[in-house]
Amino acid sequence: MDTDMKKPNGAAVAANLSAMVGMLALAAVVLACEASKGLTDSVHALGKLWMPGAEGIGPYSGKETVMLIAWLGSWAVLHPLLRRRELSGGLCLTLFLVGVGVASTLIWPPSWHFFLGH
């Protein structure tokens, strides 16, 4: 095999970006549930649809379900679009790290109080 042949990095970029989308979705649903008791109950009901023991962990089961759907859904879309492309690794890494930073900040409880005015 020729060592000069380089595989495109699009599939790896799609995997990283879809993980970031999942984390951002989790952050968004956490923040939204903090803002709305009704949404919290709906999100919990979503988790109870399929997750064994969801009653025991409460609405977190539904939040994780939303994250899982966003992660797998975005991967299903991004992988076919990017798998044959060569993308800027630095730009993709920067986008990933910024997304993870935003998601981490939104999941942090003092952020809820700041954004929701509690």
PDB file of N, CA and C in Angstrom:
ATOM      1  N   MET A   1       0.849  -1.179   0.000  1.00  0.00           N
ATOM      2  CA  MET A   1       0.000   0.000   0.000  1.00  0.00           C
ATOM      3  C   MET A   1       0.892   1.238   0.000  1.00  0.00           C
ATOM      4  N   ASP A   2       0.521   2.199  -0.783  1.00  0.00           N
ATOM      5  CA  ASP A   2       1.277   3.434  -0.906  1.00  0.00           C
ATOM      6  C   ASP A   2       1.067   4.307   0.332  1.00  0.00           C
ATOM      7  N   THR A   3       2.145   4.659   1.006  1.00  0.00           N
ATOM      8  CA  THR A   3       2.024   5.454   2.230  1.00  0.00           C
ATOM      9  C   THR A   3       1.713   6.916   1.935  1.00  0.00           C
ATOM     10  N   ASP A   4       1.845   7.337   0.673  1.00  0.00           N
ATOM     11  CA  ASP A   4       1.522   8.716   0.313  1.00  0.00           C
ATOM     12  C   ASP A   4       0.025   8.937   0.160  1.00  0.00           C
ATOM     13  N   MET A   5      -0.731   7.840   0.059  1.00  0.00           N
ATOM     14  CA  MET A   5      -2.184   7.959  -0.081  1.00  0.00           C
ATOM     15  C   MET A   5      -2.781   8.348   1.273  1.00  0.00           C
ATOM     16  N   LYS A   6      -3.492   9.436   1.274  1.00  0.00           N
ATOM     17  CA  LYS A   6      -4.090   9.922   2.513  1.00  0.00           C
ATOM     18  C   LYS A   6      -5.605   9.823   2.402  1.00  0.00           C
ATOM     19  N   LYS A   7      -6.220   9.230   3.417  1.00  0.00           N
ATOM     20  CA  LYS A   7      -7.679   9.144   3.445  1.00  0.00           C
ATOM     21  C   LYS A   7      -8.239  10.511   3.813  1.00  0.00           C
ATOM     22  N   PRO A   8      -9.371  10.878   3.240  1.00  0.00           N
ATOM     23  CA  PRO A   8      -9.996  12.132   3.657  1.00  0.00           C
ATOM     24  C   PRO A   8     -10.442  12.056   5.114  1.00  0.00           C
ATOM     25  N   ASN A   9     -10.438  13.196   5.778  1.00  0.00           N
ATOM     26  CA  ASN A   9     -10.774  13.237   7.203  1.00  0.00           C
ATOM     27  C   ASN A   9     -12.249  13.532   7.465  1.00  0.00           C
ATOM     28  N   GLY A  10     -13.062  13.580   6.446  1.00  0.00           N
ATOM     29  CA  GLY A  10     -14.471  13.952   6.600  1.00  0.00           C
ATOM     30  C   GLY A  10     -15.260  13.058   7.534  1.00  0.00           C
ATOM     31  N   ALA A  11     -14.995  11.753   7.515  1.00  0.00           N
ATOM     32  CA  ALA A  11     -15.737  10.843   8.397  1.00  0.00           C
ATOM     33  C   ALA A  11     -15.415  11.136   9.865  1.00  0.00           C
ATOM     34  N   ALA A  12     -14.156  11.401  10.157  1.00  0.00           N
ATOM     35  CA  ALA A  12     -13.766  11.738  11.532  1.00  0.00           C
ATOM     36  C   ALA A  12     -14.367  13.079  11.946  1.00  0.00           C
ATOM     37  N   VAL A  13     -14.360  14.037  11.043  1.00  0.00           N
ATOM     38  CA  VAL A  13     -14.954  15.344  11.334  1.00  0.00           C
ATOM     39  C   VAL A  13     -16.448  15.184  11.605  1.00  0.00           C
ATOM     40  N   ALA A  14     -17.124  14.375  10.800  1.00  0.00           N
ATOM     41  CA  ALA A  14     -18.556  14.144  11.000  1.00  0.00           C
ATOM     42  C   ALA A  14     -18.818  13.525  12.372  1.00  0.00           C
ATOM     43  N   ALA A  15     -17.982  12.585  12.779  1.00  0.00           N
ATOM     44  CA  ALA A  15     -18.158  11.956  14.090  1.00  0.00           C
ATOM     45  C   ALA A  15     -17.974  12.971  15.214  1.00  0.00           C
ATOM     46  N   ASN A  16     -16.941  13.795  15.119  1.00  0.00           N
ATOM     47  CA  ASN A  16     -16.700  14.800  16.160  1.00  0.00           C
ATOM     48  C   ASN A  16     -17.807  15.843  16.205  1.00  0.00           C
ATOM     49  N   LEU A  17     -18.206  16.335  15.035  1.00  0.00           N
ATOM     50  CA  LEU A  17     -19.243  17.371  15.008  1.00  0.00           C
ATOM     51  C   LEU A  17     -20.589  16.823  15.485  1.00  0.00           C
ATOM     52  N   SER A  18     -20.875  15.567  15.189  1.00  0.00           N
ATOM     53  CA  SER A  18     -22.141  15.006  15.662  1.00  0.00           C
ATOM     54  C   SER A  18     -22.124  14.825  17.184  1.00  0.00           C
ATOM     55  N   ALA A  19     -20.969  14.497  17.732  1.00  0.00           N
ATOM     56  CA  ALA A  19     -20.860  14.432  19.196  1.00  0.00           C
ATOM     57  C   ALA A  19     -21.098  15.814  19.794  1.00  0.00           C
ATOM     58  N   MET A  20     -20.554  16.837  19.159  1.00  0.00           N
ATOM     59  CA  MET A  20     -20.763  18.206  19.632  1.00  0.00           C
ATOM     60  C   MET A  20     -22.248  18.583  19.555  1.00  0.00           C
ATOM     61  N   VAL A  21     -22.917  18.211  18.473  1.00  0.00           N
ATOM     62  CA  VAL A  21     -24.347  18.498  18.329  1.00  0.00           C
ATOM     63  C   VAL A  21     -25.133  17.815  19.450  1.00  0.00           C
ATOM     64  N   GLY A  22     -24.779  16.574  19.770  1.00  0.00           N
ATOM     65  CA  GLY A  22     -25.441  15.879  20.871  1.00  0.00           C
ATOM     66  C   GLY A  22     -25.254  16.594  22.194  1.00  0.00           C
ATOM     67  N   MET A  23     -24.030  17.063  22.458  1.00  0.00           N
ATOM     68  CA  MET A  23     -23.769  17.789  23.706  1.00  0.00           C
ATOM     69  C   MET A  23     -24.534  19.106  23.755  1.00  0.00           C
ATOM     70  N   LEU A  24     -24.599  19.802  22.631  1.00  0.00           N
ATOM     71  CA  LEU A  24     -25.353  21.060  22.592  1.00  0.00           C
ATOM     72  C   LEU A  24     -26.847  20.808  22.783  1.00  0.00           C
ATOM     73  N   ALA A  25     -27.343  19.716  22.227  1.00  0.00           N
ATOM     74  CA  ALA A  25     -28.757  19.371  22.417  1.00  0.00           C
ATOM     75  C   ALA A  25     -29.032  19.072  23.885  1.00  0.00           C
ATOM     76  N   LEU A  26     -28.134  18.345  24.534  1.00  0.00           N
ATOM     77  CA  LEU A  26     -28.297  18.070  25.964  1.00  0.00           C
ATOM     78  C   LEU A  26     -28.307  19.374  26.753  1.00  0.00           C
ATOM     79  N   ALA A  27     -27.382  20.264  26.441  1.00  0.00           N
ATOM     80  CA  ALA A  27     -27.326  21.548  27.146  1.00  0.00           C
ATOM     81  C   ALA A  27     -28.615  22.347  26.937  1.00  0.00           C
ATOM     82  N   ALA A  28     -29.113  22.353  25.711  1.00  0.00           N
ATOM     83  CA  ALA A  28     -30.337  23.109  25.415  1.00  0.00           C
ATOM     84  C   ALA A  28     -31.538  22.542  26.165  1.00  0.00           C
ATOM     85  N   VAL A  29     -31.656  21.218  26.214  1.00  0.00           N
ATOM     86  CA  VAL A  29     -32.801  20.627  26.902  1.00  0.00           C
ATOM     87  C   VAL A  29     -32.676  20.788  28.421  1.00  0.00           C
ATOM     88  N   VAL A  30     -31.466  20.758  28.952  1.00  0.00           N
ATOM     89  CA  VAL A  30     -31.278  21.006  30.385  1.00  0.00           C
ATOM     90  C   VAL A  30     -31.740  22.419  30.726  1.00  0.00           C
ATOM     91  N   LEU A  31     -31.301  23.385  29.939  1.00  0.00           N
ATOM     92  CA  LEU A  31     -31.687  24.780  30.175  1.00  0.00           C
ATOM     93  C   LEU A  31     -33.195  24.969  30.007  1.00  0.00           C
ATOM     94  N   ALA A  32     -33.758  24.357  28.968  1.00  0.00           N
ATOM     95  CA  ALA A  32     -35.201  24.484  28.733  1.00  0.00           C
ATOM     96  C   ALA A  32     -36.005  23.839  29.860  1.00  0.00           C
ATOM     97  N   CYS A  33     -35.545  22.704  30.362  1.00  0.00           N
ATOM     98  CA  CYS A  33     -36.256  22.045  31.467  1.00  0.00           C
ATOM     99  C   CYS A  33     -36.176  22.858  32.745  1.00  0.00           C
ATOM    100  N   GLU A  34     -35.083  23.554  32.949  1.00  0.00           N
ATOM    101  CA  GLU A  34     -34.987  24.428  34.117  1.00  0.00           C
ATOM    102  C   GLU A  34     -35.968  25.589  34.014  1.00  0.00           C
ATOM    103  N   ALA A  35     -36.299  25.970  32.794  1.00  0.00           N
ATOM    104  CA  ALA A  35     -37.219  27.090  32.578  1.00  0.00           C
ATOM    105  C   ALA A  35     -38.684  26.667  32.629  1.00  0.00           C
ATOM    106  N   SER A  36     -38.972  25.394  32.390  1.00  0.00           N
ATOM    107  CA  SER A  36     -40.362  24.970  32.269  1.00  0.00           C
ATOM    108  C   SER A  36     -40.615  23.628  32.949  1.00  0.00           C
ATOM    109  N   LYS A  37     -41.447  23.629  33.973  1.00  0.00           N
ATOM    110  CA  LYS A  37     -41.817  22.389  34.659  1.00  0.00           C
ATOM    111  C   LYS A  37     -42.591  21.459  33.723  1.00  0.00           C
ATOM    112  N   GLY A  38     -43.434  22.026  32.882  1.00  0.00           N
ATOM    113  CA  GLY A  38     -44.203  21.215  31.937  1.00  0.00           C
ATOM    114  C   GLY A  38     -43.307  20.486  30.952  1.00  0.00           C
ATOM    115  N   LEU A  39     -42.283  21.164  30.495  1.00  0.00           N
ATOM    116  CA  LEU A  39     -41.335  20.530  29.578  1.00  0.00           C
ATOM    117  C   LEU A  39     -40.558  19.434  30.302  1.00  0.00           C
ATOM    118  N   THR A  40     -40.212  19.659  31.544  1.00  0.00           N
ATOM    119  CA  THR A  40     -39.503  18.652  32.329  1.00  0.00           C
ATOM    120  C   THR A  40     -40.314  17.364  32.408  1.00  0.00           C
ATOM    121  N   ASP A  41     -41.619  17.489  32.641  1.00  0.00           N
ATOM    122  CA  ASP A  41     -42.486  16.315  32.704  1.00  0.00           C
ATOM    123  C   ASP A  41     -42.551  15.603  31.347  1.00  0.00           C
ATOM    124  N   SER A  42     -42.611  16.371  30.263  1.00  0.00           N
ATOM    125  CA  SER A  42     -42.647  15.779  28.920  1.00  0.00           C
ATOM    126  C   SER A  42     -41.340  15.069  28.585  1.00  0.00           C
ATOM    127  N   VAL A  43     -40.239  15.682  28.951  1.00  0.00           N
ATOM    128  CA  VAL A  43     -38.930  15.081  28.693  1.00  0.00           C
ATOM    129  C   VAL A  43     -38.785  13.787  29.499  1.00  0.00           C
ATOM    130  N   HIS A  44     -39.258  13.803  30.728  1.00  0.00           N
ATOM    131  CA  HIS A  44     -39.208  12.583  31.548  1.00  0.00           C
ATOM    132  C   HIS A  44     -40.059  11.491  30.914  1.00  0.00           C
ATOM    133  N   ALA A  45     -41.225  11.854  30.414  1.00  0.00           N
ATOM    134  CA  ALA A  45     -42.094  10.872  29.752  1.00  0.00           C
ATOM    135  C   ALA A  45     -41.394  10.264  28.536  1.00  0.00           C
ATOM    136  N   LEU A  46     -40.616  11.066  27.816  1.00  0.00           N
ATOM    137  CA  LEU A  46     -39.859  10.561  26.664  1.00  0.00           C
ATOM    138  C   LEU A  46     -38.850   9.506  27.115  1.00  0.00           C
ATOM    139  N   GLY A  47     -38.171   9.755  28.186  1.00  0.00           N
ATOM    140  CA  GLY A  47     -37.210   8.780  28.702  1.00  0.00           C
ATOM    141  C   GLY A  47     -37.866   7.497  29.170  1.00  0.00           C
ATOM    142  N   LYS A  48     -39.066   7.636  29.770  1.00  0.00           N
ATOM    143  CA  LYS A  48     -39.775   6.455  30.266  1.00  0.00           C
ATOM    144  C   LYS A  48     -40.290   5.567  29.142  1.00  0.00           C
ATOM    145  N   LEU A  49     -40.358   6.097  27.911  1.00  0.00           N
ATOM    146  CA  LEU A  49     -40.855   5.304  26.794  1.00  0.00           C
ATOM    147  C   LEU A  49     -39.987   4.087  26.501  1.00  0.00           C
ATOM    148  N   TRP A  50     -38.695   4.199  26.738  1.00  0.00           N
ATOM    149  CA  TRP A  50     -37.818   3.109  26.316  1.00  0.00           C
ATOM    150  C   TRP A  50     -36.727   2.736  27.312  1.00  0.00           C
ATOM    151  N   MET A  51     -36.429   3.594  28.275  1.00  0.00           N
ATOM    152  CA  MET A  51     -35.285   3.349  29.152  1.00  0.00           C
ATOM    153  C   MET A  51     -35.712   2.617  30.420  1.00  0.00           C
ATOM    154  N   PRO A  52     -35.185   1.406  30.646  1.00  0.00           N
ATOM    155  CA  PRO A  52     -35.495   0.708  31.901  1.00  0.00           C
ATOM    156  C   PRO A  52     -34.961   1.503  33.093  1.00  0.00           C
ATOM    157  N   GLY A  53     -35.761   1.633  34.117  1.00  0.00           N
ATOM    158  CA  GLY A  53     -35.341   2.357  35.312  1.00  0.00           C
ATOM    159  C   GLY A  53     -35.420   3.864  35.183  1.00  0.00           C
ATOM    160  N   ALA A  54     -36.080   4.366  34.146  1.00  0.00           N
ATOM    161  CA  ALA A  54     -36.171   5.810  33.932  1.00  0.00           C
ATOM    162  C   ALA A  54     -36.868   6.520  35.077  1.00  0.00           C
ATOM    163  N   GLU A  55     -37.779   5.845  35.717  1.00  0.00           N
ATOM    164  CA  GLU A  55     -38.482   6.460  36.840  1.00  0.00           C
ATOM    165  C   GLU A  55     -37.516   6.780  37.968  1.00  0.00           C
ATOM    166  N   GLY A  56     -36.525   5.937  38.124  1.00  0.00           N
ATOM    167  CA  GLY A  56     -35.563   6.116  39.199  1.00  0.00           C
ATOM    168  C   GLY A  56     -34.589   7.257  38.978  1.00  0.00           C
ATOM    169  N   ILE A  57     -34.304   7.595  37.728  1.00  0.00           N
ATOM    170  CA  ILE A  57     -33.352   8.682  37.481  1.00  0.00           C
ATOM    171  C   ILE A  57     -34.038   9.980  37.070  1.00  0.00           C
ATOM    172  N   GLY A  58     -35.354   9.937  36.954  1.00  0.00           N
ATOM    173  CA  GLY A  58     -36.111  11.155  36.698  1.00  0.00           C
ATOM    174  C   GLY A  58     -35.948  11.696  35.290  1.00  0.00           C
ATOM    175  N   PRO A  59     -36.092  13.015  35.127  1.00  0.00           N
ATOM    176  CA  PRO A  59     -36.087  13.610  33.799  1.00  0.00           C
ATOM    177  C   PRO A  59     -34.750  13.480  33.068  1.00  0.00           C
ATOM    178  N   TYR A  60     -33.697  13.107  33.793  1.00  0.00           N
ATOM    179  CA  TYR A  60     -32.411  12.941  33.117  1.00  0.00           C
ATOM    180  C   TYR A  60     -32.493  11.873  32.029  1.00  0.00           C
ATOM    181  N   SER A  61     -33.379  10.895  32.204  1.00  0.00           N
ATOM    182  CA  SER A  61     -33.552   9.851  31.189  1.00  0.00           C
ATOM    183  C   SER A  61     -34.025  10.460  29.864  1.00  0.00           C
ATOM    184  N   GLY A  62     -34.935  11.390  29.941  1.00  0.00           N
ATOM    185  CA  GLY A  62     -35.422  12.048  28.726  1.00  0.00           C
ATOM    186  C   GLY A  62     -34.401  12.993  28.135  1.00  0.00           C
ATOM    187  N   LYS A  63     -33.644  13.668  28.995  1.00  0.00           N
ATOM    188  CA  LYS A  63     -32.596  14.566  28.502  1.00  0.00           C
ATOM    189  C   LYS A  63     -31.549  13.776  27.725  1.00  0.00           C
ATOM    190  N   GLU A  64     -31.181  12.621  28.266  1.00  0.00           N
ATOM    191  CA  GLU A  64     -30.221  11.758  27.573  1.00  0.00           C
ATOM    192  C   GLU A  64     -30.807  11.207  26.278  1.00  0.00           C
ATOM    193  N   THR A  65     -32.110  10.960  26.260  1.00  0.00           N
ATOM    194  CA  THR A  65     -32.764  10.489  25.043  1.00  0.00           C
ATOM    195  C   THR A  65     -32.689  11.551  23.953  1.00  0.00           C
ATOM    196  N   VAL A  66     -32.948  12.795  24.313  1.00  0.00           N
ATOM    197  CA  VAL A  66     -32.844  13.892  23.348  1.00  0.00           C
ATOM    198  C   VAL A  66     -31.412  13.990  22.822  1.00  0.00           C
ATOM    199  N   MET A  67     -30.431  13.883  23.720  1.00  0.00           N
ATOM    200  CA  MET A  67     -29.032  13.938  23.309  1.00  0.00           C
ATOM    201  C   MET A  67     -28.697  12.803  22.348  1.00  0.00           C
ATOM    202  N   LEU A  68     -29.166  11.611  22.645  1.00  0.00           N
ATOM    203  CA  LEU A  68     -28.904  10.453  21.810  1.00  0.00           C
ATOM    204  C   LEU A  68     -29.505  10.629  20.416  1.00  0.00           C
ATOM    205  N   ILE A  69     -30.727  11.123  20.353  1.00  0.00           N
ATOM    206  CA  ILE A  69     -31.392  11.349  19.064  1.00  0.00           C
ATOM    207  C   ILE A  69     -30.640  12.404  18.258  1.00  0.00           C
ATOM    208  N   ALA A  70     -30.232  13.489  18.915  1.00  0.00           N
ATOM    209  CA  ALA A  70     -29.495  14.549  18.215  1.00  0.00           C
ATOM    210  C   ALA A  70     -28.141  14.048  17.721  1.00  0.00           C
ATOM    211  N   TRP A  71     -27.448  13.285  18.558  1.00  0.00           N
ATOM    212  CA  TRP A  71     -26.137  12.761  18.169  1.00  0.00           C
ATOM    213  C   TRP A  71     -26.251  11.817  16.974  1.00  0.00           C
ATOM    214  N   LEU A  72     -27.116  10.809  17.087  1.00  0.00           N
ATOM    215  CA  LEU A  72     -27.237   9.833  16.011  1.00  0.00           C
ATOM    216  C   LEU A  72     -27.839  10.451  14.749  1.00  0.00           C
ATOM    217  N   GLY A  73     -28.813  11.335  14.931  1.00  0.00           N
ATOM    218  CA  GLY A  73     -29.421  11.999  13.772  1.00  0.00           C
ATOM    219  C   GLY A  73     -28.432  12.875  13.025  1.00  0.00           C
ATOM    220  N   SER A  74     -27.648  13.646  13.762  1.00  0.00           N
ATOM    221  CA  SER A  74     -26.672  14.511  13.087  1.00  0.00           C
ATOM    222  C   SER A  74     -25.558  13.684  12.453  1.00  0.00           C
ATOM    223  N   TRP A  75     -25.188  12.580  13.073  1.00  0.00           N
ATOM    224  CA  TRP A  75     -24.177  11.715  12.478  1.00  0.00           C
ATOM    225  C   TRP A  75     -24.704  11.089  11.185  1.00  0.00           C
ATOM    226  N   ALA A  76     -25.972  10.687  11.190  1.00  0.00           N
ATOM    227  CA  ALA A  76     -26.580  10.099   9.992  1.00  0.00           C
ATOM    228  C   ALA A  76     -26.617  11.098   8.837  1.00  0.00           C
ATOM    229  N   VAL A  77     -26.733  12.371   9.152  1.00  0.00           N
ATOM    230  CA  VAL A  77     -26.746  13.409   8.115  1.00  0.00           C
ATOM    231  C   VAL A  77     -25.319  13.810   7.711  1.00  0.00           C
ATOM    232  N   LEU A  78     -24.466  14.045   8.702  1.00  0.00           N
ATOM    233  CA  LEU A  78     -23.117  14.554   8.416  1.00  0.00           C
ATOM    234  C   LEU A  78     -22.195  13.520   7.783  1.00  0.00           C
ATOM    235  N   HIS A  79     -22.286  12.277   8.186  1.00  0.00           N
ATOM    236  CA  HIS A  79     -21.364  11.269   7.654  1.00  0.00           C
ATOM    237  C   HIS A  79     -21.451  11.134   6.130  1.00  0.00           C
ATOM    238  N   PRO A  80     -22.642  10.945   5.558  1.00  0.00           N
ATOM    239  CA  PRO A  80     -22.689  10.835   4.095  1.00  0.00           C
ATOM    240  C   PRO A  80     -22.255  12.130   3.384  1.00  0.00           C
ATOM    241  N   LEU A  81     -22.497  13.275   4.022  1.00  0.00           N
ATOM    242  CA  LEU A  81     -22.126  14.548   3.400  1.00  0.00           C
ATOM    243  C   LEU A  81     -20.619  14.800   3.418  1.00  0.00           C
ATOM    244  N   LEU A  82     -19.938  14.341   4.457  1.00  0.00           N
ATOM    245  CA  LEU A  82     -18.541  14.716   4.656  1.00  0.00           C
ATOM    246  C   LEU A  82     -17.533  13.594   4.446  1.00  0.00           C
ATOM    247  N   ARG A  83     -17.962  12.350   4.369  1.00  0.00           N
ATOM    248  CA  ARG A  83     -17.014  11.225   4.426  1.00  0.00           C
ATOM    249  C   ARG A  83     -15.956  11.233   3.335  1.00  0.00           C
ATOM    250  N   ARG A  84     -16.215  11.793   2.199  1.00  0.00           N
ATOM    251  CA  ARG A  84     -15.232  11.799   1.106  1.00  0.00           C
ATOM    252  C   ARG A  84     -14.492  13.125   0.969  1.00  0.00           C
ATOM    253  N   ARG A  85     -14.682  13.997   1.919  1.00  0.00           N
ATOM    254  CA  ARG A  85     -14.086  15.339   1.835  1.00  0.00           C
ATOM    255  C   ARG A  85     -12.888  15.467   2.761  1.00  0.00           C
ATOM    256  N   GLU A  86     -11.975  16.299   2.369  1.00  0.00           N
ATOM    257  CA  GLU A  86     -10.829  16.664   3.201  1.00  0.00           C
ATOM    258  C   GLU A  86     -11.109  18.065   3.732  1.00  0.00           C
ATOM    259  N   LEU A  87     -11.216  18.176   5.031  1.00  0.00           N
ATOM    260  CA  LEU A  87     -11.581  19.443   5.661  1.00  0.00           C
ATOM    261  C   LEU A  87     -10.429  19.951   6.516  1.00  0.00           C
ATOM    262  N   SER A  88     -10.450  21.236   6.797  1.00  0.00           N
ATOM    263  CA  SER A  88      -9.420  21.842   7.633  1.00  0.00           C
ATOM    264  C   SER A  88      -9.523  21.295   9.058  1.00  0.00           C
ATOM    265  N   GLY A  89      -8.503  20.550   9.456  1.00  0.00           N
ATOM    266  CA  GLY A  89      -8.512  19.971  10.792  1.00  0.00           C
ATOM    267  C   GLY A  89      -8.540  21.017  11.886  1.00  0.00           C
ATOM    268  N   GLY A  90      -7.795  22.089  11.709  1.00  0.00           N
ATOM    269  CA  GLY A  90      -7.758  23.143  12.720  1.00  0.00           C
ATOM    270  C   GLY A  90      -9.100  23.825  12.897  1.00  0.00           C
ATOM    271  N   LEU A  91      -9.760  24.127  11.792  1.00  0.00           N
ATOM    272  CA  LEU A  91     -11.069  24.776  11.862  1.00  0.00           C
ATOM    273  C   LEU A  91     -12.100  23.856  12.520  1.00  0.00           C
ATOM    274  N   CYS A  92     -12.089  22.588  12.136  1.00  0.00           N
ATOM    275  CA  CYS A  92     -13.038  21.632  12.706  1.00  0.00           C
ATOM    276  C   CYS A  92     -12.790  21.415  14.197  1.00  0.00           C
ATOM    277  N   LEU A  93     -11.524  21.349  14.590  1.00  0.00           N
ATOM    278  CA  LEU A  93     -11.195  21.197  16.006  1.00  0.00           C
ATOM    279  C   LEU A  93     -11.641  22.420  16.807  1.00  0.00           C
ATOM    280  N   THR A  94     -11.415  23.601  16.240  1.00  0.00           N
ATOM    281  CA  THR A  94     -11.843  24.835  16.908  1.00  0.00           C
ATOM    282  C   THR A  94     -13.354  24.860  17.085  1.00  0.00           C
ATOM    283  N   LEU A  95     -14.088  24.511  16.037  1.00  0.00           N
ATOM    284  CA  LEU A  95     -15.546  24.480  16.110  1.00  0.00           C
ATOM    285  C   LEU A  95     -16.007  23.480  17.165  1.00  0.00           C
ATOM    286  N   PHE A  96     -15.379  22.302  17.186  1.00  0.00           N
ATOM    287  CA  PHE A  96     -15.722  21.280  18.174  1.00  0.00           C
ATOM    288  C   PHE A  96     -15.472  21.777  19.593  1.00  0.00           C
ATOM    289  N   LEU A  97     -14.304  22.353  19.827  1.00  0.00           N
ATOM    290  CA  LEU A  97     -13.962  22.808  21.175  1.00  0.00           C
ATOM    291  C   LEU A  97     -14.850  23.960  21.641  1.00  0.00           C
ATOM    292  N   VAL A  98     -15.187  24.868  20.743  1.00  0.00           N
ATOM    293  CA  VAL A  98     -16.101  25.956  21.102  1.00  0.00           C
ATOM    294  C   VAL A  98     -17.478  25.383  21.445  1.00  0.00           C
ATOM    295  N   GLY A  99     -17.968  24.445  20.641  1.00  0.00           N
ATOM    296  CA  GLY A  99     -19.264  23.818  20.919  1.00  0.00           C
ATOM    297  C   GLY A  99     -19.287  23.088  22.241  1.00  0.00           C
ATOM    298  N   VAL A 100     -18.228  22.351  22.538  1.00  0.00           N
ATOM    299  CA  VAL A 100     -18.139  21.640  23.815  1.00  0.00           C
ATOM    300  C   VAL A 100     -18.073  22.643  24.974  1.00  0.00           C
ATOM    301  N   GLY A 101     -17.355  23.732  24.773  1.00  0.00           N
ATOM    302  CA  GLY A 101     -17.279  24.766  25.812  1.00  0.00           C
ATOM    303  C   GLY A 101     -18.630  25.405  26.081  1.00  0.00           C
ATOM    304  N   VAL A 102     -19.364  25.706  25.018  1.00  0.00           N
ATOM    305  CA  VAL A 102     -20.704  26.287  25.179  1.00  0.00           C
ATOM    306  C   VAL A 102     -21.620  25.289  25.880  1.00  0.00           C
ATOM    307  N   ALA A 103     -21.591  24.035  25.456  1.00  0.00           N
ATOM    308  CA  ALA A 103     -22.449  23.014  26.071  1.00  0.00           C
ATOM    309  C   ALA A 103     -22.106  22.847  27.551  1.00  0.00           C
ATOM    310  N   SER A 104     -20.833  22.788  27.865  1.00  0.00           N
ATOM    311  CA  SER A 104     -20.415  22.640  29.267  1.00  0.00           C
ATOM    312  C   SER A 104     -20.857  23.821  30.112  1.00  0.00           C
ATOM    313  N   THR A 105     -20.757  25.002  29.553  1.00  0.00           N
ATOM    314  CA  THR A 105     -21.172  26.208  30.276  1.00  0.00           C
ATOM    315  C   THR A 105     -22.672  26.197  30.533  1.00  0.00           C
ATOM    316  N   LEU A 106     -23.457  25.792  29.542  1.00  0.00           N
ATOM    317  CA  LEU A 106     -24.910  25.792  29.705  1.00  0.00           C
ATOM    318  C   LEU A 106     -25.392  24.725  30.684  1.00  0.00           C
ATOM    319  N   ILE A 107     -24.648  23.643  30.832  1.00  0.00           N
ATOM    320  CA  ILE A 107     -25.039  22.578  31.752  1.00  0.00           C
ATOM    321  C   ILE A 107     -24.670  22.931  33.196  1.00  0.00           C
ATOM    322  N   TRP A 108     -23.775  23.854  33.388  1.00  0.00           N
ATOM    323  CA  TRP A 108     -23.309  24.271  34.714  1.00  0.00           C
ATOM    324  C   TRP A 108     -24.415  25.063  35.422  1.00  0.00           C
ATOM    325  N   PRO A 109     -24.881  24.644  36.597  1.00  0.00           N
ATOM    326  CA  PRO A 109     -26.018  25.287  37.270  1.00  0.00           C
ATOM    327  C   PRO A 109     -25.924  26.809  37.438  1.00  0.00           C
ATOM    328  N   PRO A 110     -24.775  27.424  37.762  1.00  0.00           N
ATOM    329  CA  PRO A 110     -24.772  28.885  37.830  1.00  0.00           C
ATOM    330  C   PRO A 110     -25.161  29.554  36.507  1.00  0.00           C
ATOM    331  N   SER A 111     -24.931  28.875  35.399  1.00  0.00           N
ATOM    332  CA  SER A 111     -25.356  29.423  34.103  1.00  0.00           C
ATOM    333  C   SER A 111     -26.869  29.457  34.003  1.00  0.00           C
ATOM    334  N   TRP A 112     -27.546  28.412  34.526  1.00  0.00           N
ATOM    335  CA  TRP A 112     -29.004  28.411  34.496  1.00  0.00           C
ATOM    336  C   TRP A 112     -29.540  29.634  35.212  1.00  0.00           C
ATOM    337  N   HIS A 113     -28.974  29.906  36.381  1.00  0.00           N
ATOM    338  CA  HIS A 113     -29.457  31.041  37.169  1.00  0.00           C
ATOM    339  C   HIS A 113     -29.212  32.353  36.427  1.00  0.00           C
ATOM    340  N   PHE A 114     -28.086  32.461  35.776  1.00  0.00           N
ATOM    341  CA  PHE A 114     -27.768  33.680  35.039  1.00  0.00           C
ATOM    342  C   PHE A 114     -28.712  33.856  33.850  1.00  0.00           C
ATOM    343  N   PHE A 115     -28.839  32.841  33.024  1.00  0.00           N
ATOM    344  CA  PHE A 115     -29.653  32.941  31.803  1.00  0.00           C
ATOM    345  C   PHE A 115     -31.148  33.006  32.085  1.00  0.00           C
ATOM    346  N   LEU A 116     -31.583  32.357  33.169  1.00  0.00           N
ATOM    347  CA  LEU A 116     -33.007  32.334  33.472  1.00  0.00           C
ATOM    348  C   LEU A 116     -33.434  33.364  34.504  1.00  0.00           C
ATOM    349  N   GLY A 117     -32.461  34.118  35.025  1.00  0.00           N
ATOM    350  CA  GLY A 117     -32.785  35.172  35.977  1.00  0.00           C
ATOM    351  C   GLY A 117     -33.236  34.680  37.329  1.00  0.00           C
ATOM    352  N   HIS A 118     -32.771  33.508  37.729  1.00  0.00           N
ATOM    353  CA  HIS A 118     -33.148  32.968  39.055  1.00  0.00           C
ATOM    354  C   HIS A 118     -32.305  33.580  40.137  1.00  0.00           C
TER     355      HIS A 118
END
